[in-house]
């Protein structure tokens, strides 16, 4: 991209729309699935690529996307997943959704970092 001398985004990242995408994709792929480690390892790659493609279809200019998926077994335990990022809070943002069924949980995060 060429320099535009633009210090901020002209269109902000649509967090609510991306949350709906996360909900739709996770529900479609995991609604009837049982936890199996090998299956979950493979499906995380597929889900992250689908989410990334659907968010890119929104055509939001100058944002870099990072998609992270965590899938684990629901077995009465607790888990704490945290993340840290160095970014500009005025232009960068994150969208997140947690899915649960009787056997597994899935956490999907989409980090949107503005590219100056």
Protein backbone atom coordinates (compact mmCIF):
# COMPACT_ATOMS: atom_id res chain seq x y z
CA UNK A 1 0.00 0.00 0.00
CA UNK A 2 1.15 3.51 -0.69
CA UNK A 3 1.37 6.16 2.00
CA UNK A 4 -1.84 8.09 2.45
CA UNK A 5 -0.70 10.09 5.48
CA UNK A 6 -3.89 8.97 7.11
CA UNK A 7 -3.46 8.53 10.86
CA UNK A 8 -6.69 6.72 11.61
CA UNK A 9 -9.28 4.53 9.94
CA UNK A 10 -12.03 6.10 7.85
CA UNK A 11 -14.31 3.16 8.69
CA UNK A 12 -14.05 1.47 12.08
CA UNK A 13 -14.05 -2.28 12.47
CA UNK A 14 -17.64 -3.64 12.81
CA UNK A 15 -17.35 -5.64 16.03
CA UNK A 16 -21.04 -6.56 16.23
CA UNK A 17 -21.09 -7.90 12.66
CA UNK A 18 -17.96 -9.95 13.29
CA UNK A 19 -19.50 -11.32 16.51
CA UNK A 20 -22.43 -12.59 14.43
CA UNK A 21 -20.00 -14.22 11.99
CA UNK A 22 -18.21 -15.94 14.86
CA UNK A 23 -21.48 -17.18 16.30
CA UNK A 24 -22.71 -18.50 12.93
CA UNK A 25 -19.49 -20.31 12.02
CA UNK A 26 -18.93 -21.90 15.43
CA UNK A 27 -22.55 -23.03 15.65
CA UNK A 28 -22.52 -24.47 12.12
CA UNK A 29 -19.31 -26.44 12.61
CA UNK A 30 -19.60 -27.55 16.23
CA UNK A 31 -23.30 -27.81 17.15
CA UNK A 32 -23.54 -31.61 16.97
CA UNK A 33 -19.87 -32.53 17.47
CA UNK A 34 -18.37 -34.51 20.34
CA UNK A 35 -14.95 -33.67 21.75
CA UNK A 36 -12.18 -35.68 20.13
CA UNK A 37 -8.61 -34.29 20.30
CA UNK A 38 -7.58 -35.10 16.73
CA UNK A 39 -10.85 -33.81 15.26
CA UNK A 40 -10.57 -30.58 17.27
CA UNK A 41 -7.00 -30.03 16.12
CA UNK A 42 -8.08 -30.27 12.48
CA UNK A 43 -11.32 -28.32 12.79
CA UNK A 44 -9.61 -25.32 14.43
CA UNK A 45 -7.66 -24.77 11.22
CA UNK A 46 -10.79 -25.00 9.10
CA UNK A 47 -12.84 -22.73 11.34
CA UNK A 48 -10.12 -20.07 11.51
CA UNK A 49 -9.80 -19.99 7.71
CA UNK A 50 -13.59 -19.75 7.25
CA UNK A 51 -13.85 -16.93 9.78
CA UNK A 52 -10.95 -15.06 8.21
CA UNK A 53 -12.49 -15.36 4.73
CA UNK A 54 -15.92 -14.19 5.90
CA UNK A 55 -14.47 -11.18 7.76
CA UNK A 56 -12.37 -10.26 4.71
CA UNK A 57 -15.58 -10.25 2.64
CA UNK A 58 -16.68 -7.21 4.67
CA UNK A 59 -13.99 -5.25 2.77
CA UNK A 60 -12.75 -3.20 5.70
CA UNK A 61 -9.69 -1.34 4.38
CA UNK A 62 -6.29 -1.29 6.08
CA UNK A 63 -6.97 -3.78 8.88
CA UNK A 64 -4.77 -6.80 9.51
CA UNK A 65 -6.67 -9.77 10.92
CA UNK A 66 -5.53 -12.39 13.40
CA UNK A 67 -7.94 -15.26 14.08
CA UNK A 68 -7.41 -17.54 17.08
CA UNK A 69 -9.57 -20.55 17.96
CA UNK A 70 -9.37 -22.56 21.21
CA UNK A 71 -11.37 -25.79 21.54
CA UNK A 72 -11.45 -27.87 24.71
CA UNK A 73 -13.40 -30.59 26.44
CA UNK A 74 -16.19 -29.74 28.85
CA UNK A 75 -15.64 -32.01 31.81
CA UNK A 76 -16.57 -29.96 34.86
CA UNK A 77 -13.22 -28.17 34.95
CA UNK A 78 -12.50 -24.48 34.61
CA UNK A 79 -10.08 -22.76 32.29
CA UNK A 80 -8.82 -19.22 31.96
CA UNK A 81 -7.63 -18.02 28.56
CA UNK A 82 -5.96 -14.64 28.41
CA UNK A 83 -4.25 -12.61 25.74
CA UNK A 84 -2.14 -9.50 25.65
CA UNK A 85 -1.53 -7.22 22.72
CA UNK A 86 0.33 -4.02 22.10
CA UNK A 87 -1.91 -1.77 20.06
CA UNK A 88 -3.61 1.58 19.63
CA UNK A 89 -6.94 1.47 21.50
CA UNK A 90 -8.38 4.18 19.22
CA UNK A 91 -8.17 2.10 16.05
CA UNK A 92 -7.44 -1.54 16.99
CA UNK A 93 -10.03 -3.88 18.43
CA UNK A 94 -10.98 -7.47 19.17
CA UNK A 95 -14.13 -9.48 18.59
CA UNK A 96 -14.81 -12.60 20.65
CA UNK A 97 -17.40 -15.34 21.00
CA UNK A 98 -17.67 -18.44 23.23
CA UNK A 99 -19.57 -21.51 22.06
CA UNK A 100 -20.58 -24.47 24.25
CA UNK A 101 -22.38 -27.72 23.66
CA UNK A 102 -22.68 -30.81 25.86
CA UNK A 103 -19.17 -32.06 25.07
CA UNK A 104 -16.90 -29.14 24.19
CA UNK A 105 -16.31 -25.41 24.33
CA UNK A 106 -14.80 -23.14 21.70
CA UNK A 107 -13.44 -19.63 22.03
CA UNK A 108 -12.95 -17.59 18.86
CA UNK A 109 -11.08 -14.27 18.81
CA UNK A 110 -10.59 -11.97 15.84
CA UNK A 111 -8.00 -9.25 16.43
CA UNK A 112 -8.19 -6.31 14.03
CA UNK A 113 -5.05 -4.19 13.93
CA UNK A 114 -5.08 -1.01 11.86
CA UNK A 115 -2.28 -0.76 9.31
CA UNK A 116 -1.07 2.82 8.87
